[in-house]
């Protein structure tokens, strides 16, 4: 994609979902993404708080992302008996 070329939301969603698989694939996260006018909304459940910053940072690194909205929550820790 050349400089100055607008990235469609459809193409952006493909890139976002690919990055989500790379970043959150086997980590116990259950995150979904939506894209509208270059704005990425991440929603779902993280297994650890530190994952939030890594996911948001990786989304901001994708060409065409204008803003990331964080609707993610962290799953409560299971008590050990």
Protein backbone atom coordinates (compact mmCIF):
# COMPACT_ATOMS: atom_id res chain seq x y z
CA UNK A 1 0.00 0.00 0.00
CA UNK A 2 1.44 3.30 -1.05
CA UNK A 3 1.77 6.41 1.01
CA UNK A 4 -1.35 8.54 1.09
CA UNK A 5 -3.60 5.67 0.04
CA UNK A 6 -6.59 5.18 2.31
CA UNK A 7 -6.88 1.67 3.75
CA UNK A 8 -10.42 0.28 3.57
CA UNK A 9 -12.06 -0.89 6.78
CA UNK A 10 -12.33 -4.37 5.28
CA UNK A 11 -8.59 -4.57 4.62
CA UNK A 12 -7.87 -3.02 7.99
CA UNK A 13 -10.01 -5.62 9.75
CA UNK A 14 -8.06 -8.40 8.00
CA UNK A 15 -4.79 -6.90 9.26
CA UNK A 16 -6.20 -6.42 12.77
CA UNK A 17 -7.48 -9.99 12.98
CA UNK A 18 -4.15 -11.35 11.74
CA UNK A 19 -2.32 -9.35 14.41
CA UNK A 20 -4.80 -10.52 17.07
CA UNK A 21 -4.06 -14.14 16.16
CA UNK A 22 -0.33 -13.48 16.41
CA UNK A 23 -0.58 -11.60 19.70
CA UNK A 24 -3.41 -13.32 21.55
CA UNK A 25 -3.66 -16.69 19.81
CA UNK A 26 -2.65 -19.06 22.59
CA UNK A 27 -2.71 -16.69 25.54
CA UNK A 28 -6.20 -17.39 26.85
CA UNK A 29 -7.54 -14.08 25.53
CA UNK A 30 -10.94 -13.93 23.90
CA UNK A 31 -10.76 -10.65 21.97
CA UNK A 32 -12.83 -9.50 19.02
CA UNK A 33 -12.26 -6.47 16.82
CA UNK A 34 -14.48 -4.13 14.87
CA UNK A 35 -13.34 -1.42 12.45
CA UNK A 36 -15.17 1.73 11.38
CA UNK A 37 -13.53 4.63 9.53
CA UNK A 38 -10.08 3.52 10.65
CA UNK A 39 -11.11 3.26 14.30
CA UNK A 40 -10.44 -0.17 15.82
CA UNK A 41 -12.57 -1.30 18.75
CA UNK A 42 -11.21 -4.18 20.82
CA UNK A 43 -13.63 -6.01 23.10
CA UNK A 44 -13.47 -9.20 25.10
CA UNK A 45 -11.64 -10.77 28.00
CA UNK A 46 -7.92 -10.75 28.71
CA UNK A 47 -6.33 -13.30 30.99
CA UNK A 48 -3.79 -10.75 32.36
CA UNK A 49 -3.70 -6.93 32.53
CA UNK A 50 -0.27 -6.67 30.85
CA UNK A 51 -1.81 -8.02 27.61
CA UNK A 52 -3.87 -4.84 27.19
CA UNK A 53 -0.91 -2.56 26.49
CA UNK A 54 0.71 -5.05 24.10
CA UNK A 55 -2.49 -5.48 22.07
CA UNK A 56 -3.23 -1.76 21.87
CA UNK A 57 0.35 -1.01 20.89
CA UNK A 58 0.35 -3.65 18.16
CA UNK A 59 -2.96 -2.32 16.77
CA UNK A 60 -1.58 1.23 16.66
CA UNK A 61 1.32 -0.11 14.58
CA UNK A 62 -0.96 -1.24 11.76
CA UNK A 63 -1.08 1.00 8.70
CA UNK A 64 -4.45 2.74 8.50
CA UNK A 65 -5.39 2.56 12.19
CA UNK A 66 -6.44 6.04 13.32
CA UNK A 67 -7.54 5.20 16.85
CA UNK A 68 -7.96 2.19 19.14
CA UNK A 69 -10.94 1.97 21.51
CA UNK A 70 -10.37 -0.37 24.45
CA UNK A 71 -13.47 -2.20 25.71
CA UNK A 72 -11.46 -5.16 27.03
CA UNK A 73 -11.74 -6.49 30.57
CA UNK A 74 -9.49 -8.77 32.60
CA UNK A 75 -10.87 -12.08 33.80
CA UNK A 76 -10.94 -12.43 37.57
CA UNK A 77 -8.23 -14.68 38.90
CA UNK A 78 -9.36 -18.11 39.92
CA UNK A 79 -8.82 -18.82 43.59
CA UNK A 80 -6.52 -21.71 44.30
CA UNK A 81 -7.69 -24.14 46.88
